[in-house]
């Protein structure tokens, strides 16, 4: 009976058993007018019963629906290098000298001045 209902391209009342059905269900929801705000919830709903490799295949489809491989990309790790530099600087500042800095000298009018001409 489910095959009969799935013949209707607008039918979405089924639970996907594999990645192919999950993609099919998501595409049916999109064709039925899925709002962009609801896409994350719809993807979670489509993947809720998938496990193991089926879930991995569905996740790979979500990330890259065309399935193109990008093996020839040159890695850009400048941000990682900058973050590492900031991290090491923070550690250096945190683990720096363990001296207690001197307290600031307060100008207190109750304490007599030690410099200057004696008052008469």
PDB file of N, CA and C in Angstrom:
ATOM      1  N   UNK A   1       0.826  -1.205   0.000  1.00  0.00           N
ATOM      2  CA  UNK A   1       0.000   0.000   0.000  1.00  0.00           C
ATOM      3  C   UNK A   1       0.866   1.264   0.000  1.00  0.00           C
ATOM      4  N   UNK A   2       2.039   1.161   0.681  1.00  0.00           N
ATOM      5  CA  UNK A   2       2.924   2.314   0.729  1.00  0.00           C
ATOM      6  C   UNK A   2       3.427   2.681  -0.666  1.00  0.00           C
ATOM      7  N   UNK A   3       3.690   1.675  -1.499  1.00  0.00           N
ATOM      8  CA  UNK A   3       4.132   1.949  -2.866  1.00  0.00           C
ATOM      9  C   UNK A   3       3.079   2.733  -3.631  1.00  0.00           C
ATOM     10  N   UNK A   4       1.836   2.423  -3.374  1.00  0.00           N
ATOM     11  CA  UNK A   4       0.739   3.127  -4.041  1.00  0.00           C
ATOM     12  C   UNK A   4       0.716   4.590  -3.615  1.00  0.00           C
ATOM     13  N   UNK A   5       0.879   4.836  -2.311  1.00  0.00           N
ATOM     14  CA  UNK A   5       0.893   6.221  -1.822  1.00  0.00           C
ATOM     15  C   UNK A   5       2.128   6.972  -2.318  1.00  0.00           C
ATOM     16  N   UNK A   6       3.274   6.283  -2.396  1.00  0.00           N
ATOM     17  CA  UNK A   6       4.499   6.944  -2.847  1.00  0.00           C
ATOM     18  C   UNK A   6       4.457   7.292  -4.332  1.00  0.00           C
ATOM     19  N   UNK A   7       3.519   6.744  -5.051  1.00  0.00           N
ATOM     20  CA  UNK A   7       3.359   7.118  -6.459  1.00  0.00           C
ATOM     21  C   UNK A   7       2.924   8.572  -6.589  1.00  0.00           C
ATOM     22  N   UNK A   8       2.266   9.086  -5.556  1.00  0.00           N
ATOM     23  CA  UNK A   8       1.858  10.488  -5.524  1.00  0.00           C
ATOM     24  C   UNK A   8       3.074  11.322  -5.119  1.00  0.00           C
ATOM     25  N   UNK A   9       3.548  12.259  -5.964  1.00  0.00           N
ATOM     26  CA  UNK A   9       4.750  13.029  -5.648  1.00  0.00           C
ATOM     27  C   UNK A   9       4.592  13.999  -4.481  1.00  0.00           C
ATOM     28  N   UNK A  10       3.373  14.210  -4.003  1.00  0.00           N
ATOM     29  CA  UNK A  10       3.179  15.112  -2.870  1.00  0.00           C
ATOM     30  C   UNK A  10       3.033  14.359  -1.553  1.00  0.00           C
ATOM     31  N   UNK A  11       3.047  13.037  -1.571  1.00  0.00           N
ATOM     32  CA  UNK A  11       2.872  12.224  -0.360  1.00  0.00           C
ATOM     33  C   UNK A  11       4.148  12.272   0.482  1.00  0.00           C
ATOM     34  N   UNK A  12       4.008  12.664   1.743  1.00  0.00           N
ATOM     35  CA  UNK A  12       5.163  12.765   2.644  1.00  0.00           C
ATOM     36  C   UNK A  12       4.950  12.035   3.962  1.00  0.00           C
ATOM     37  N   UNK A  13       3.899  11.267   4.094  1.00  0.00           N
ATOM     38  CA  UNK A  13       3.596  10.614   5.365  1.00  0.00           C
ATOM     39  C   UNK A  13       4.214   9.209   5.412  1.00  0.00           C
ATOM     40  N   UNK A  14       5.552   9.130   5.321  1.00  0.00           N
ATOM     41  CA  UNK A  14       6.236   7.856   5.470  1.00  0.00           C
ATOM     42  C   UNK A  14       7.563   8.089   6.180  1.00  0.00           C
ATOM     43  N   UNK A  15       8.071   7.039   6.795  1.00  0.00           N
ATOM     44  CA  UNK A  15       9.331   7.115   7.530  1.00  0.00           C
ATOM     45  C   UNK A  15      10.427   6.484   6.667  1.00  0.00           C
ATOM     46  N   UNK A  16      11.482   7.234   6.347  1.00  0.00           N
ATOM     47  CA  UNK A  16      12.545   6.687   5.501  1.00  0.00           C
ATOM     48  C   UNK A  16      13.305   5.561   6.209  1.00  0.00           C
ATOM     49  N   UNK A  17      13.630   4.512   5.448  1.00  0.00           N
ATOM     50  CA  UNK A  17      14.388   3.392   5.988  1.00  0.00           C
ATOM     51  C   UNK A  17      15.844   3.420   5.557  1.00  0.00           C
ATOM     52  N   UNK A  18      16.163   4.190   4.517  1.00  0.00           N
ATOM     53  CA  UNK A  18      17.541   4.303   4.066  1.00  0.00           C
ATOM     54  C   UNK A  18      17.783   5.720   3.548  1.00  0.00           C
ATOM     55  N   UNK A  19      19.020   5.992   3.170  1.00  0.00           N
ATOM     56  CA  UNK A  19      19.401   7.345   2.741  1.00  0.00           C
ATOM     57  C   UNK A  19      18.646   7.773   1.490  1.00  0.00           C
ATOM     58  N   UNK A  20      18.403   6.842   0.595  1.00  0.00           N
ATOM     59  CA  UNK A  20      17.687   7.178  -0.637  1.00  0.00           C
ATOM     60  C   UNK A  20      16.273   7.661  -0.333  1.00  0.00           C
ATOM     61  N   UNK A  21      15.582   6.964   0.560  1.00  0.00           N
ATOM     62  CA  UNK A  21      14.231   7.395   0.924  1.00  0.00           C
ATOM     63  C   UNK A  21      14.266   8.715   1.694  1.00  0.00           C
ATOM     64  N   UNK A  22      15.315   8.937   2.495  1.00  0.00           N
ATOM     65  CA  UNK A  22      15.422  10.197   3.237  1.00  0.00           C
ATOM     66  C   UNK A  22      15.577  11.371   2.275  1.00  0.00           C
ATOM     67  N   UNK A  23      16.411  11.192   1.253  1.00  0.00           N
ATOM     68  CA  UNK A  23      16.573  12.246   0.244  1.00  0.00           C
ATOM     69  C   UNK A  23      15.257  12.463  -0.492  1.00  0.00           C
ATOM     70  N   UNK A  24      14.599  11.355  -0.836  1.00  0.00           N
ATOM     71  CA  UNK A  24      13.313  11.442  -1.533  1.00  0.00           C
ATOM     72  C   UNK A  24      12.298  12.204  -0.689  1.00  0.00           C
ATOM     73  N   UNK A  25      12.232  11.892   0.601  1.00  0.00           N
ATOM     74  CA  UNK A  25      11.275  12.584   1.487  1.00  0.00           C
ATOM     75  C   UNK A  25      11.602  14.066   1.582  1.00  0.00           C
ATOM     76  N   UNK A  26      12.878  14.396   1.727  1.00  0.00           N
ATOM     77  CA  UNK A  26      13.251  15.807   1.811  1.00  0.00           C
ATOM     78  C   UNK A  26      12.881  16.546   0.535  1.00  0.00           C
ATOM     79  N   UNK A  27      13.147  15.943  -0.621  1.00  0.00           N
ATOM     80  CA  UNK A  27      12.817  16.591  -1.885  1.00  0.00           C
ATOM     81  C   UNK A  27      11.304  16.755  -2.043  1.00  0.00           C
ATOM     82  N   UNK A  28      10.522  15.784  -1.574  1.00  0.00           N
ATOM     83  CA  UNK A  28       9.059  15.921  -1.618  1.00  0.00           C
ATOM     84  C   UNK A  28       8.602  17.102  -0.761  1.00  0.00           C
ATOM     85  N   UNK A  29       9.217  17.236   0.425  1.00  0.00           N
ATOM     86  CA  UNK A  29       8.860  18.382   1.284  1.00  0.00           C
ATOM     87  C   UNK A  29       9.207  19.689   0.585  1.00  0.00           C
ATOM     88  N   UNK A  30      10.364  19.745  -0.075  1.00  0.00           N
ATOM     89  CA  UNK A  30      10.737  20.963  -0.787  1.00  0.00           C
ATOM     90  C   UNK A  30       9.758  21.276  -1.911  1.00  0.00           C
ATOM     91  N   UNK A  31       9.357  20.260  -2.656  1.00  0.00           N
ATOM     92  CA  UNK A  31       8.407  20.474  -3.754  1.00  0.00           C
ATOM     93  C   UNK A  31       7.040  20.903  -3.233  1.00  0.00           C
ATOM     94  N   UNK A  32       6.732  20.511  -1.987  1.00  0.00           N
ATOM     95  CA  UNK A  32       5.453  20.905  -1.389  1.00  0.00           C
ATOM     96  C   UNK A  32       5.505  22.301  -0.778  1.00  0.00           C
ATOM     97  N   UNK A  33       6.642  22.978  -0.860  1.00  0.00           N
ATOM     98  CA  UNK A  33       6.724  24.360  -0.380  1.00  0.00           C
ATOM     99  C   UNK A  33       7.371  24.503   0.986  1.00  0.00           C
ATOM    100  N   UNK A  34       8.390  23.720   1.281  1.00  0.00           N
ATOM    101  CA  UNK A  34       9.111  23.820   2.544  1.00  0.00           C
ATOM    102  C   UNK A  34       9.754  25.198   2.663  1.00  0.00           C
ATOM    103  N   UNK A  35       9.487  25.874   3.766  1.00  0.00           N
ATOM    104  CA  UNK A  35      10.062  27.195   3.989  1.00  0.00           C
ATOM    105  C   UNK A  35      11.529  27.043   4.411  1.00  0.00           C
ATOM    106  N   UNK A  36      12.404  27.955   3.975  1.00  0.00           N
ATOM    107  CA  UNK A  36      13.827  27.843   4.308  1.00  0.00           C
ATOM    108  C   UNK A  36      14.097  27.763   5.810  1.00  0.00           C
ATOM    109  N   UNK A  37      13.276  28.420   6.600  1.00  0.00           N
ATOM    110  CA  UNK A  37      13.456  28.392   8.052  1.00  0.00           C
ATOM    111  C   UNK A  37      13.268  26.991   8.625  1.00  0.00           C
ATOM    112  N   UNK A  38      12.509  26.154   7.946  1.00  0.00           N
ATOM    113  CA  UNK A  38      12.194  24.815   8.444  1.00  0.00           C
ATOM    114  C   UNK A  38      13.128  23.728   7.893  1.00  0.00           C
ATOM    115  N   UNK A  39      14.093  24.088   7.068  1.00  0.00           N
ATOM    116  CA  UNK A  39      14.977  23.079   6.462  1.00  0.00           C
ATOM    117  C   UNK A  39      15.733  22.270   7.514  1.00  0.00           C
ATOM    118  N   UNK A  40      16.354  22.887   8.536  1.00  0.00           N
ATOM    119  CA  UNK A  40      17.073  22.058   9.518  1.00  0.00           C
ATOM    120  C   UNK A  40      16.174  21.039  10.213  1.00  0.00           C
ATOM    121  N   UNK A  41      14.978  21.456  10.612  1.00  0.00           N
ATOM    122  CA  UNK A  41      14.063  20.540  11.276  1.00  0.00           C
ATOM    123  C   UNK A  41      13.633  19.414  10.351  1.00  0.00           C
ATOM    124  N   UNK A  42      13.441  19.751   9.089  1.00  0.00           N
ATOM    125  CA  UNK A  42      13.028  18.744   8.113  1.00  0.00           C
ATOM    126  C   UNK A  42      14.141  17.720   7.898  1.00  0.00           C
ATOM    127  N   UNK A  43      15.392  18.176   7.821  1.00  0.00           N
ATOM    128  CA  UNK A  43      16.508  17.260   7.652  1.00  0.00           C
ATOM    129  C   UNK A  43      16.639  16.318   8.845  1.00  0.00           C
ATOM    130  N   UNK A  44      16.441  16.842  10.039  1.00  0.00           N
ATOM    131  CA  UNK A  44      16.488  16.007  11.238  1.00  0.00           C
ATOM    132  C   UNK A  44      15.364  14.990  11.213  1.00  0.00           C
ATOM    133  N   UNK A  45      14.175  15.432  10.828  1.00  0.00           N
ATOM    134  CA  UNK A  45      13.023  14.525  10.753  1.00  0.00           C
ATOM    135  C   UNK A  45      13.258  13.427   9.715  1.00  0.00           C
ATOM    136  N   UNK A  46      13.866  13.769   8.593  1.00  0.00           N
ATOM    137  CA  UNK A  46      14.134  12.776   7.554  1.00  0.00           C
ATOM    138  C   UNK A  46      15.184  11.768   7.998  1.00  0.00           C
ATOM    139  N   UNK A  47      16.111  12.181   8.866  1.00  0.00           N
ATOM    140  CA  UNK A  47      17.211  11.311   9.272  1.00  0.00           C
ATOM    141  C   UNK A  47      16.990  10.628  10.609  1.00  0.00           C
ATOM    142  N   UNK A  48      15.858  10.819  11.237  1.00  0.00           N
ATOM    143  CA  UNK A  48      15.688  10.349  12.611  1.00  0.00           C
ATOM    144  C   UNK A  48      15.784   8.832  12.774  1.00  0.00           C
ATOM    145  N   UNK A  49      15.444   8.041  11.773  1.00  0.00           N
ATOM    146  CA  UNK A  49      15.498   6.589  11.912  1.00  0.00           C
ATOM    147  C   UNK A  49      16.674   5.966  11.168  1.00  0.00           C
ATOM    148  N   UNK A  50      17.539   6.772  10.592  1.00  0.00           N
ATOM    149  CA  UNK A  50      18.694   6.235   9.873  1.00  0.00           C
ATOM    150  C   UNK A  50      19.818   5.935  10.853  1.00  0.00           C
ATOM    151  N   UNK A  51      20.578   4.886  10.561  1.00  0.00           N
ATOM    152  CA  UNK A  51      21.711   4.530  11.408  1.00  0.00           C
ATOM    153  C   UNK A  51      22.892   4.140  10.532  1.00  0.00           C
ATOM    154  N   UNK A  52      24.081   4.182  11.128  1.00  0.00           N
ATOM    155  CA  UNK A  52      25.292   3.697  10.483  1.00  0.00           C
ATOM    156  C   UNK A  52      25.609   4.347   9.155  1.00  0.00           C
ATOM    157  N   UNK A  53      25.856   3.499   8.167  1.00  0.00           N
ATOM    158  CA  UNK A  53      26.288   4.010   6.861  1.00  0.00           C
ATOM    159  C   UNK A  53      25.183   4.778   6.148  1.00  0.00           C
ATOM    160  N   UNK A  54      23.935   4.405   6.399  1.00  0.00           N
ATOM    161  CA  UNK A  54      22.822   5.137   5.769  1.00  0.00           C
ATOM    162  C   UNK A  54      22.808   6.586   6.257  1.00  0.00           C
ATOM    163  N   UNK A  55      23.018   6.776   7.550  1.00  0.00           N
ATOM    164  CA  UNK A  55      23.060   8.131   8.100  1.00  0.00           C
ATOM    165  C   UNK A  55      24.268   8.886   7.545  1.00  0.00           C
ATOM    166  N   UNK A  56      25.409   8.192   7.421  1.00  0.00           N
ATOM    167  CA  UNK A  56      26.602   8.837   6.859  1.00  0.00           C
ATOM    168  C   UNK A  56      26.374   9.261   5.410  1.00  0.00           C
ATOM    169  N   UNK A  57      25.718   8.418   4.636  1.00  0.00           N
ATOM    170  CA  UNK A  57      25.443   8.767   3.233  1.00  0.00           C
ATOM    171  C   UNK A  57      24.484   9.956   3.155  1.00  0.00           C
ATOM    172  N   UNK A  58      23.460   9.996   4.022  1.00  0.00           N
ATOM    173  CA  UNK A  58      22.522  11.114   4.016  1.00  0.00           C
ATOM    174  C   UNK A  58      23.236  12.399   4.421  1.00  0.00           C
ATOM    175  N   UNK A  59      24.106  12.315   5.415  1.00  0.00           N
ATOM    176  CA  UNK A  59      24.870  13.488   5.842  1.00  0.00           C
ATOM    177  C   UNK A  59      25.786  13.977   4.719  1.00  0.00           C
ATOM    178  N   UNK A  60      26.423  13.041   4.013  1.00  0.00           N
ATOM    179  CA  UNK A  60      27.274  13.431   2.885  1.00  0.00           C
ATOM    180  C   UNK A  60      26.446  14.109   1.799  1.00  0.00           C
ATOM    181  N   UNK A  61      25.226  13.643   1.589  1.00  0.00           N
ATOM    182  CA  UNK A  61      24.352  14.275   0.601  1.00  0.00           C
ATOM    183  C   UNK A  61      23.963  15.685   1.048  1.00  0.00           C
ATOM    184  N   UNK A  62      23.696  15.871   2.345  1.00  0.00           N
ATOM    185  CA  UNK A  62      23.334  17.198   2.856  1.00  0.00           C
ATOM    186  C   UNK A  62      24.485  18.173   2.611  1.00  0.00           C
ATOM    187  N   UNK A  63      25.704  17.732   2.877  1.00  0.00           N
ATOM    188  CA  UNK A  63      26.870  18.602   2.736  1.00  0.00           C
ATOM    189  C   UNK A  63      27.161  18.904   1.277  1.00  0.00           C
ATOM    190  N   UNK A  64      27.053  17.890   0.420  1.00  0.00           N
ATOM    191  CA  UNK A  64      27.398  18.072  -0.985  1.00  0.00           C
ATOM    192  C   UNK A  64      26.435  17.265  -1.853  1.00  0.00           C
ATOM    193  N   UNK A  65      25.266  17.832  -2.205  1.00  0.00           N
ATOM    194  CA  UNK A  65      24.263  17.087  -2.971  1.00  0.00           C
ATOM    195  C   UNK A  65      24.739  16.603  -4.337  1.00  0.00           C
ATOM    196  N   UNK A  66      25.686  17.293  -4.957  1.00  0.00           N
ATOM    197  CA  UNK A  66      26.158  16.878  -6.270  1.00  0.00           C
ATOM    198  C   UNK A  66      27.107  15.692  -6.212  1.00  0.00           C
ATOM    199  N   UNK A  67      27.671  15.441  -5.062  1.00  0.00           N
ATOM    200  CA  UNK A  67      28.559  14.311  -4.896  1.00  0.00           C
ATOM    201  C   UNK A  67      29.924  14.485  -5.516  1.00  0.00           C
ATOM    202  N   UNK A  68      30.287  15.698  -5.872  1.00  0.00           N
ATOM    203  CA  UNK A  68      31.604  15.937  -6.458  1.00  0.00           C
ATOM    204  C   UNK A  68      32.663  15.862  -5.369  1.00  0.00           C
ATOM    205  N   UNK A  69      33.786  15.254  -5.704  1.00  0.00           N
ATOM    206  CA  UNK A  69      34.894  15.178  -4.764  1.00  0.00           C
ATOM    207  C   UNK A  69      35.841  16.336  -5.031  1.00  0.00           C
ATOM    208  N   UNK A  70      36.417  16.852  -3.983  1.00  0.00           N
ATOM    209  CA  UNK A  70      37.336  17.978  -4.091  1.00  0.00           C
ATOM    210  C   UNK A  70      38.681  17.577  -3.508  1.00  0.00           C
ATOM    211  N   UNK A  71      39.388  16.677  -4.187  1.00  0.00           N
ATOM    212  CA  UNK A  71      40.664  16.185  -3.698  1.00  0.00           C
ATOM    213  C   UNK A  71      41.820  17.124  -4.003  1.00  0.00           C
ATOM    214  N   UNK A  72      41.648  17.998  -4.968  1.00  0.00           N
ATOM    215  CA  UNK A  72      42.751  18.851  -5.390  1.00  0.00           C
ATOM    216  C   UNK A  72      42.719  20.238  -4.757  1.00  0.00           C
ATOM    217  N   UNK A  73      42.024  20.391  -3.653  1.00  0.00           N
ATOM    218  CA  UNK A  73      41.943  21.686  -2.984  1.00  0.00           C
ATOM    219  C   UNK A  73      43.212  21.903  -2.168  1.00  0.00           C
ATOM    220  N   UNK A  74      43.779  23.097  -2.276  1.00  0.00           N
ATOM    221  CA  UNK A  74      44.956  23.447  -1.491  1.00  0.00           C
ATOM    222  C   UNK A  74      44.469  23.875  -0.105  1.00  0.00           C
ATOM    223  N   UNK A  75      44.978  23.237   0.944  1.00  0.00           N
ATOM    224  CA  UNK A  75      44.503  23.602   2.286  1.00  0.00           C
ATOM    225  C   UNK A  75      44.957  25.006   2.664  1.00  0.00           C
ATOM    226  N   UNK A  76      44.070  25.755   3.282  1.00  0.00           N
ATOM    227  CA  UNK A  76      44.381  27.096   3.753  1.00  0.00           C
ATOM    228  C   UNK A  76      44.292  27.070   5.274  1.00  0.00           C
ATOM    229  N   UNK A  77      45.454  27.073   5.912  1.00  0.00           N
ATOM    230  CA  UNK A  77      45.459  26.984   7.371  1.00  0.00           C
ATOM    231  C   UNK A  77      45.943  28.274   8.026  1.00  0.00           C
ATOM    232  N   UNK A  78      45.739  29.407   7.350  1.00  0.00           N
ATOM    233  CA  UNK A  78      46.192  30.678   7.919  1.00  0.00           C
ATOM    234  C   UNK A  78      45.406  31.034   9.177  1.00  0.00           C
ATOM    235  N   UNK A  79      44.108  30.766   9.180  1.00  0.00           N
ATOM    236  CA  UNK A  79      43.296  31.075  10.365  1.00  0.00           C
ATOM    237  C   UNK A  79      43.732  30.194  11.527  1.00  0.00           C
ATOM    238  N   UNK A  80      43.985  28.912  11.246  1.00  0.00           N
ATOM    239  CA  UNK A  80      44.431  28.011  12.301  1.00  0.00           C
ATOM    240  C   UNK A  80      45.770  28.483  12.864  1.00  0.00           C
ATOM    241  N   UNK A  81      46.679  28.926  12.003  1.00  0.00           N
ATOM    242  CA  UNK A  81      47.989  29.406  12.455  1.00  0.00           C
ATOM    243  C   UNK A  81      47.837  30.666  13.311  1.00  0.00           C
ATOM    244  N   UNK A  82      46.957  31.572  12.909  1.00  0.00           N
ATOM    245  CA  UNK A  82      46.726  32.782  13.697  1.00  0.00           C
ATOM    246  C   UNK A  82      46.124  32.438  15.055  1.00  0.00           C
ATOM    247  N   UNK A  83      45.165  31.509  15.075  1.00  0.00           N
ATOM    248  CA  UNK A  83      44.567  31.093  16.341  1.00  0.00           C
ATOM    249  C   UNK A  83      45.609  30.449  17.249  1.00  0.00           C
ATOM    250  N   UNK A  84      46.502  29.638  16.690  1.00  0.00           N
ATOM    251  CA  UNK A  84      47.549  29.006  17.481  1.00  0.00           C
ATOM    252  C   UNK A  84      48.484  30.053  18.073  1.00  0.00           C
ATOM    253  N   UNK A  85      48.802  31.105  17.294  1.00  0.00           N
ATOM    254  CA  UNK A  85      49.674  32.172  17.776  1.00  0.00           C
ATOM    255  C   UNK A  85      49.026  32.909  18.950  1.00  0.00           C
ATOM    256  N   UNK A  86      47.731  33.226  18.821  1.00  0.00           N
ATOM    257  CA  UNK A  86      47.013  33.898  19.908  1.00  0.00           C
ATOM    258  C   UNK A  86      46.958  32.994  21.142  1.00  0.00           C
ATOM    259  N   UNK A  87      46.733  31.707  20.934  1.00  0.00           N
ATOM    260  CA  UNK A  87      46.674  30.758  22.045  1.00  0.00           C
ATOM    261  C   UNK A  87      48.006  30.702  22.780  1.00  0.00           C
ATOM    262  N   UNK A  88      49.113  30.607  22.035  1.00  0.00           N
ATOM    263  CA  UNK A  88      50.427  30.541  22.672  1.00  0.00           C
ATOM    264  C   UNK A  88      50.765  31.840  23.398  1.00  0.00           C
ATOM    265  N   UNK A  89      50.374  32.979  22.836  1.00  0.00           N
ATOM    266  CA  UNK A  89      50.595  34.263  23.503  1.00  0.00           C
ATOM    267  C   UNK A  89      49.801  34.342  24.802  1.00  0.00           C
ATOM    268  N   UNK A  90      48.574  33.851  24.777  1.00  0.00           N
ATOM    269  CA  UNK A  90      47.750  33.841  25.982  1.00  0.00           C
ATOM    270  C   UNK A  90      48.368  32.948  27.048  1.00  0.00           C
ATOM    271  N   UNK A  91      48.861  31.785  26.646  1.00  0.00           N
ATOM    272  CA  UNK A  91      49.529  30.909  27.609  1.00  0.00           C
ATOM    273  C   UNK A  91      50.770  31.565  28.190  1.00  0.00           C
ATOM    274  N   UNK A  92      51.537  32.256  27.342  1.00  0.00           N
ATOM    275  CA  UNK A  92      52.741  32.928  27.816  1.00  0.00           C
ATOM    276  C   UNK A  92      52.390  34.008  28.827  1.00  0.00           C
ATOM    277  N   UNK A  93      51.330  34.769  28.559  1.00  0.00           N
ATOM    278  CA  UNK A  93      50.921  35.814  29.495  1.00  0.00           C
ATOM    279  C   UNK A  93      50.378  35.218  30.791  1.00  0.00           C
ATOM    280  N   UNK A  94      49.648  34.122  30.664  1.00  0.00           N
ATOM    281  CA  UNK A  94      49.066  33.491  31.852  1.00  0.00           C
ATOM    282  C   UNK A  94      50.154  32.850  32.719  1.00  0.00           C
ATOM    283  N   UNK A  95      51.103  32.204  32.095  1.00  0.00           N
ATOM    284  CA  UNK A  95      52.139  31.487  32.822  1.00  0.00           C
ATOM    285  C   UNK A  95      53.413  32.310  32.951  1.00  0.00           C
ATOM    286  N   UNK A  96      53.303  33.622  32.773  1.00  0.00           N
ATOM    287  CA  UNK A  96      54.463  34.505  32.822  1.00  0.00           C
ATOM    288  C   UNK A  96      55.066  34.571  34.209  1.00  0.00           C
ATOM    289  N   UNK A  97      55.738  35.657  34.534  1.00  0.00           N
ATOM    290  CA  UNK A  97      56.400  35.769  35.834  1.00  0.00           C
ATOM    291  C   UNK A  97      55.374  35.653  36.962  1.00  0.00           C
ATOM    292  N   UNK A  98      55.796  34.946  37.996  1.00  0.00           N
ATOM    293  CA  UNK A  98      54.892  34.720  39.131  1.00  0.00           C
ATOM    294  C   UNK A  98      55.103  35.757  40.228  1.00  0.00           C
ATOM    295  N   UNK A  99      55.634  36.904  39.894  1.00  0.00           N
ATOM    296  CA  UNK A  99      55.845  37.963  40.867  1.00  0.00           C
ATOM    297  C   UNK A  99      54.534  38.702  41.107  1.00  0.00           C
ATOM    298  N   UNK A 100      54.392  39.186  42.312  1.00  0.00           N
ATOM    299  CA  UNK A 100      53.232  40.022  42.626  1.00  0.00           C
ATOM    300  C   UNK A 100      53.628  41.455  42.307  1.00  0.00           C
ATOM    301  N   UNK A 101      52.882  42.130  41.459  1.00  0.00           N
ATOM    302  CA  UNK A 101      53.257  43.502  41.110  1.00  0.00           C
ATOM    303  C   UNK A 101      53.151  44.404  42.338  1.00  0.00           C
ATOM    304  N   UNK A 102      53.975  45.448  42.389  1.00  0.00           N
ATOM    305  CA  UNK A 102      53.920  46.360  43.541  1.00  0.00           C
ATOM    306  C   UNK A 102      52.588  47.103  43.578  1.00  0.00           C
ATOM    307  N   UNK A 103      52.169  47.392  44.786  1.00  0.00           N
ATOM    308  CA  UNK A 103      50.921  48.138  44.941  1.00  0.00           C
ATOM    309  C   UNK A 103      51.133  49.584  44.520  1.00  0.00           C
ATOM    310  N   UNK A 104      50.152  50.194  43.948  1.00  0.00           N
ATOM    311  CA  UNK A 104      50.311  51.598  43.559  1.00  0.00           C
ATOM    312  C   UNK A 104      50.402  52.491  44.795  1.00  0.00           C
ATOM    313  N   UNK A 105      51.206  53.536  44.697  1.00  0.00           N
ATOM    314  CA  UNK A 105      51.365  54.480  45.792  1.00  0.00           C
ATOM    315  C   UNK A 105      50.189  55.437  45.758  1.00  0.00           C
ATOM    316  N   UNK A 106      49.521  55.519  46.880  1.00  0.00           N
ATOM    317  CA  UNK A 106      48.369  56.422  46.961  1.00  0.00           C
ATOM    318  C   UNK A 106      48.819  57.759  47.526  1.00  0.00           C
ATOM    319  N   UNK A 107      48.277  58.816  47.009  1.00  0.00           N
ATOM    320  CA  UNK A 107      48.576  60.153  47.513  1.00  0.00           C
ATOM    321  C   UNK A 107      47.568  60.450  48.611  1.00  0.00           C
ATOM    322  N   UNK A 108      47.986  60.194  49.831  1.00  0.00           N
ATOM    323  CA  UNK A 108      47.084  60.350  50.971  1.00  0.00           C
ATOM    324  C   UNK A 108      47.463  61.632  51.710  1.00  0.00           C
ATOM    325  N   UNK A 109      46.500  62.526  51.892  1.00  0.00           N
ATOM    326  CA  UNK A 109      46.810  63.798  52.543  1.00  0.00           C
ATOM    327  C   UNK A 109      47.034  63.641  54.032  1.00  0.00           C
ATOM    328  N   UNK A 110      46.657  62.489  54.612  1.00  0.00           N
ATOM    329  CA  UNK A 110      46.868  62.278  56.038  1.00  0.00           C
ATOM    330  C   UNK A 110      48.321  61.944  56.343  1.00  0.00           C
ATOM    331  N   UNK A 111      49.031  61.433  55.372  1.00  0.00           N
ATOM    332  CA  UNK A 111      50.435  61.080  55.570  1.00  0.00           C
ATOM    333  C   UNK A 111      51.259  62.322  55.262  1.00  0.00           C
ATOM    334  N   UNK A 112      52.143  62.749  56.201  1.00  0.00           N
ATOM    335  CA  UNK A 112      52.932  63.958  55.929  1.00  0.00           C
ATOM    336  C   UNK A 112      53.906  63.744  54.787  1.00  0.00           C
ATOM    337  N   UNK A 113      54.140  64.775  54.053  1.00  0.00           N
ATOM    338  CA  UNK A 113      55.055  64.695  52.912  1.00  0.00           C
ATOM    339  C   UNK A 113      56.461  64.546  53.434  1.00  0.00           C
ATOM    340  N   UNK A 114      57.264  63.705  52.833  1.00  0.00           N
ATOM    341  CA  UNK A 114      58.630  63.463  53.285  1.00  0.00           C
ATOM    342  C   UNK A 114      59.624  64.337  52.526  1.00  0.00           C
ATOM    343  N   UNK A 115      59.196  64.980  51.497  1.00  0.00           N
ATOM    344  CA  UNK A 115      60.096  65.838  50.732  1.00  0.00           C
ATOM    345  C   UNK A 115      59.614  67.261  50.818  1.00  0.00           C
ATOM    346  N   UNK A 116      60.475  68.166  50.517  1.00  0.00           N
ATOM    347  CA  UNK A 116      60.104  69.563  50.502  1.00  0.00           C
ATOM    348  C   UNK A 116      60.666  70.299  51.707  1.00  0.00           C
ATOM    349  N   UNK A 117      60.512  71.606  51.722  1.00  0.00           N
ATOM    350  CA  UNK A 117      61.077  72.388  52.855  1.00  0.00           C
ATOM    351  C   UNK A 117      60.274  72.152  54.137  1.00  0.00           C
ATOM    352  N   UNK A 118      60.953  72.167  55.269  1.00  0.00           N
ATOM    353  CA  UNK A 118      60.223  71.980  56.532  1.00  0.00           C
ATOM    354  C   UNK A 118      59.300  73.161  56.789  1.00  0.00           C
ATOM    355  N   UNK A 119      58.183  72.846  57.342  1.00  0.00           N
ATOM    356  CA  UNK A 119      57.215  73.921  57.621  1.00  0.00           C
ATOM    357  C   UNK A 119      57.529  74.551  58.970  1.00  0.00           C
ATOM    358  N   UNK A 120      57.389  75.849  59.088  1.00  0.00           N
ATOM    359  CA  UNK A 120      57.677  76.576  60.321  1.00  0.00           C
ATOM    360  C   UNK A 120      56.451  77.134  60.937  1.00  0.00           C
TER     361      UNK A 120
END
